[in-house]
Amino acid sequence: VQLVESGGGLVQPGGSLRLACVASGFPFSSYAMSWYRQAPGKEREKVAYITSVGDTTNYADSVKGRFTISRDNAKNTVYLQMNTLNPEDTAVYYCNARRLNYVFWGQGTQVTVSS
């Protein structure tokens, strides 16, 4: 099982980034997917969620209206489009797959928002 995130980096306040997470080794289309983030000294928090078929999404209040989660089951990939980024969005972003008692995590990708 692998979840490999990409797309992180350094961006100025107000900028955008698109994260991607490519899955392998499990039936991706059967799993709900989420993005979490963890800032230094803070607990990991869930920022976005999408069902296995992509018909339902939800977001943390802190990112609602700025972030969009989507998935392409044909490519075994989940995305996180992040717009209007601010310094408080600086964190390591993790991809998460969940189905019943099965939970998988990626290694994370760093997002830094700074001028």
Protein backbone atom coordinates (compact mmCIF):
# COMPACT_ATOMS: atom_id res chain seq x y z
CA VAL A 1 0.00 0.00 0.00
CA GLN A 2 1.28 3.44 -0.93
CA LEU A 3 -0.07 6.96 -0.80
CA VAL A 4 2.32 9.45 -2.38
CA GLU A 5 1.62 13.16 -2.02
CA SER A 6 3.06 15.85 -4.24
CA GLY A 7 2.54 19.50 -5.09
CA GLY A 8 3.64 21.17 -1.90
CA GLY A 9 6.07 24.05 -1.77
CA LEU A 10 6.57 27.69 -0.91
CA VAL A 11 3.86 30.14 -1.98
CA GLN A 12 3.13 33.77 -1.21
CA PRO A 13 0.04 34.79 0.74
CA GLY A 14 -2.95 34.89 -1.57
CA GLY A 15 -1.46 32.29 -3.86
CA SER A 16 -2.62 28.81 -4.84
CA LEU A 17 -1.32 25.28 -4.82
CA ARG A 18 -2.73 21.97 -5.99
CA LEU A 19 -1.79 18.89 -4.05
CA ALA A 20 -2.10 15.39 -5.48
CA CYS A 21 -2.04 11.99 -3.80
CA VAL A 22 -1.53 8.89 -5.91
CA ALA A 23 -2.64 5.61 -4.37
CA SER A 24 -1.55 2.06 -5.07
CA GLY A 25 -1.85 -1.36 -3.53
CA PHE A 26 -5.51 -1.20 -2.49
CA PRO A 27 -8.91 -0.68 -4.19
CA PHE A 28 -8.82 3.10 -4.28
CA SER A 29 -12.36 3.54 -5.58
CA SER A 30 -13.74 1.76 -2.49
CA TYR A 31 -12.10 4.13 -0.02
CA ALA A 32 -13.14 7.50 1.29
CA MET A 33 -10.26 9.95 1.07
CA SER A 34 -9.27 12.86 3.24
CA TRP A 35 -6.59 15.50 3.51
CA TYR A 36 -5.18 16.33 6.91
CA ARG A 37 -2.61 18.85 7.95
CA GLN A 38 -0.29 19.33 10.87
CA ALA A 39 1.39 22.60 11.73
CA PRO A 40 4.41 22.78 14.05
CA GLY A 41 3.33 22.34 17.66
CA LYS A 42 -0.26 21.60 16.73
CA GLU A 43 -2.37 18.48 16.45
CA ARG A 44 -3.16 16.96 13.09
CA GLU A 45 -6.49 18.22 11.78
CA LYS A 46 -8.76 17.05 8.98
CA VAL A 47 -9.25 19.73 6.35
CA ALA A 48 -11.22 17.96 3.61
CA TYR A 49 -13.08 14.73 2.96
CA ILE A 50 -14.57 13.04 -0.09
CA THR A 51 -16.61 9.87 -0.35
CA SER A 52 -15.44 6.88 -2.39
CA VAL A 53 -17.55 7.84 -5.39
CA GLY A 54 -16.97 11.55 -4.98
CA ASP A 55 -20.59 12.53 -4.45
CA THR A 56 -20.10 14.17 -1.06
CA THR A 57 -17.40 16.45 0.30
CA ASN A 58 -16.92 18.36 3.49
CA TYR A 59 -14.39 20.82 4.81
CA ALA A 60 -13.01 22.29 7.97
CA ASP A 61 -14.44 25.74 8.65
CA SER A 62 -10.96 27.23 8.35
CA VAL A 63 -10.66 26.24 4.67
CA LYS A 64 -14.27 26.28 3.51
CA GLY A 65 -14.66 28.33 0.35
CA ARG A 66 -10.91 28.29 -0.34
CA PHE A 67 -10.02 24.59 -0.67
CA THR A 68 -11.58 22.01 -2.97
CA ILE A 69 -11.10 18.25 -2.74
CA SER A 70 -11.69 16.06 -5.77
CA ARG A 71 -10.77 12.61 -6.99
CA ASP A 72 -10.18 10.70 -10.20
CA ASN A 73 -10.82 7.02 -9.56
CA ALA A 74 -9.49 6.10 -13.00
CA LYS A 75 -6.13 7.57 -11.98
CA ASN A 76 -6.21 6.45 -8.33
CA THR A 77 -5.62 10.07 -7.38
CA VAL A 78 -7.14 12.56 -4.97
CA TYR A 79 -6.48 16.29 -5.23
CA LEU A 80 -6.63 19.31 -2.99
CA GLN A 81 -6.92 22.65 -4.74
CA MET A 82 -5.91 25.37 -2.30
CA ASN A 83 -6.67 29.00 -3.11
CA THR A 84 -6.21 32.26 -1.26
CA LEU A 85 -3.58 30.72 0.95
CA ASN A 86 -2.50 32.49 4.11
CA PRO A 87 0.36 31.89 6.56
CA GLU A 88 -1.98 29.93 8.87
CA ASP A 89 -2.21 27.28 6.15
CA THR A 90 1.47 26.45 6.59
CA ALA A 91 1.70 22.78 7.55
CA VAL A 92 2.59 19.31 6.40
CA TYR A 93 -0.36 17.99 4.41
CA TYR A 94 -1.20 14.29 4.57
CA CYS A 95 -3.37 12.10 2.39
CA ASN A 96 -5.58 9.57 4.19
CA ALA A 97 -7.56 6.59 2.91
CA ARG A 98 -10.22 4.94 5.04
CA ARG A 99 -12.66 2.06 4.67
CA LEU A 100 -14.12 0.32 7.70
CA ASN A 101 -11.13 -0.54 9.90
CA TYR A 102 -8.57 -0.01 7.15
CA VAL A 103 -6.69 3.28 7.33
CA PHE A 104 -3.67 4.32 5.28
CA TRP A 105 -1.53 7.45 5.40
CA GLY A 106 0.86 9.13 3.05
CA GLN A 107 4.23 10.54 4.06
CA GLY A 108 3.11 14.16 3.77
CA THR A 109 4.06 17.17 1.70
CA GLN A 110 5.16 20.51 3.12
CA VAL A 111 3.18 23.65 2.31
CA THR A 112 4.70 26.94 3.38
CA VAL A 113 2.87 30.23 2.91
CA SER A 114 5.20 33.17 3.36
CA SER A 115 6.24 36.39 1.72
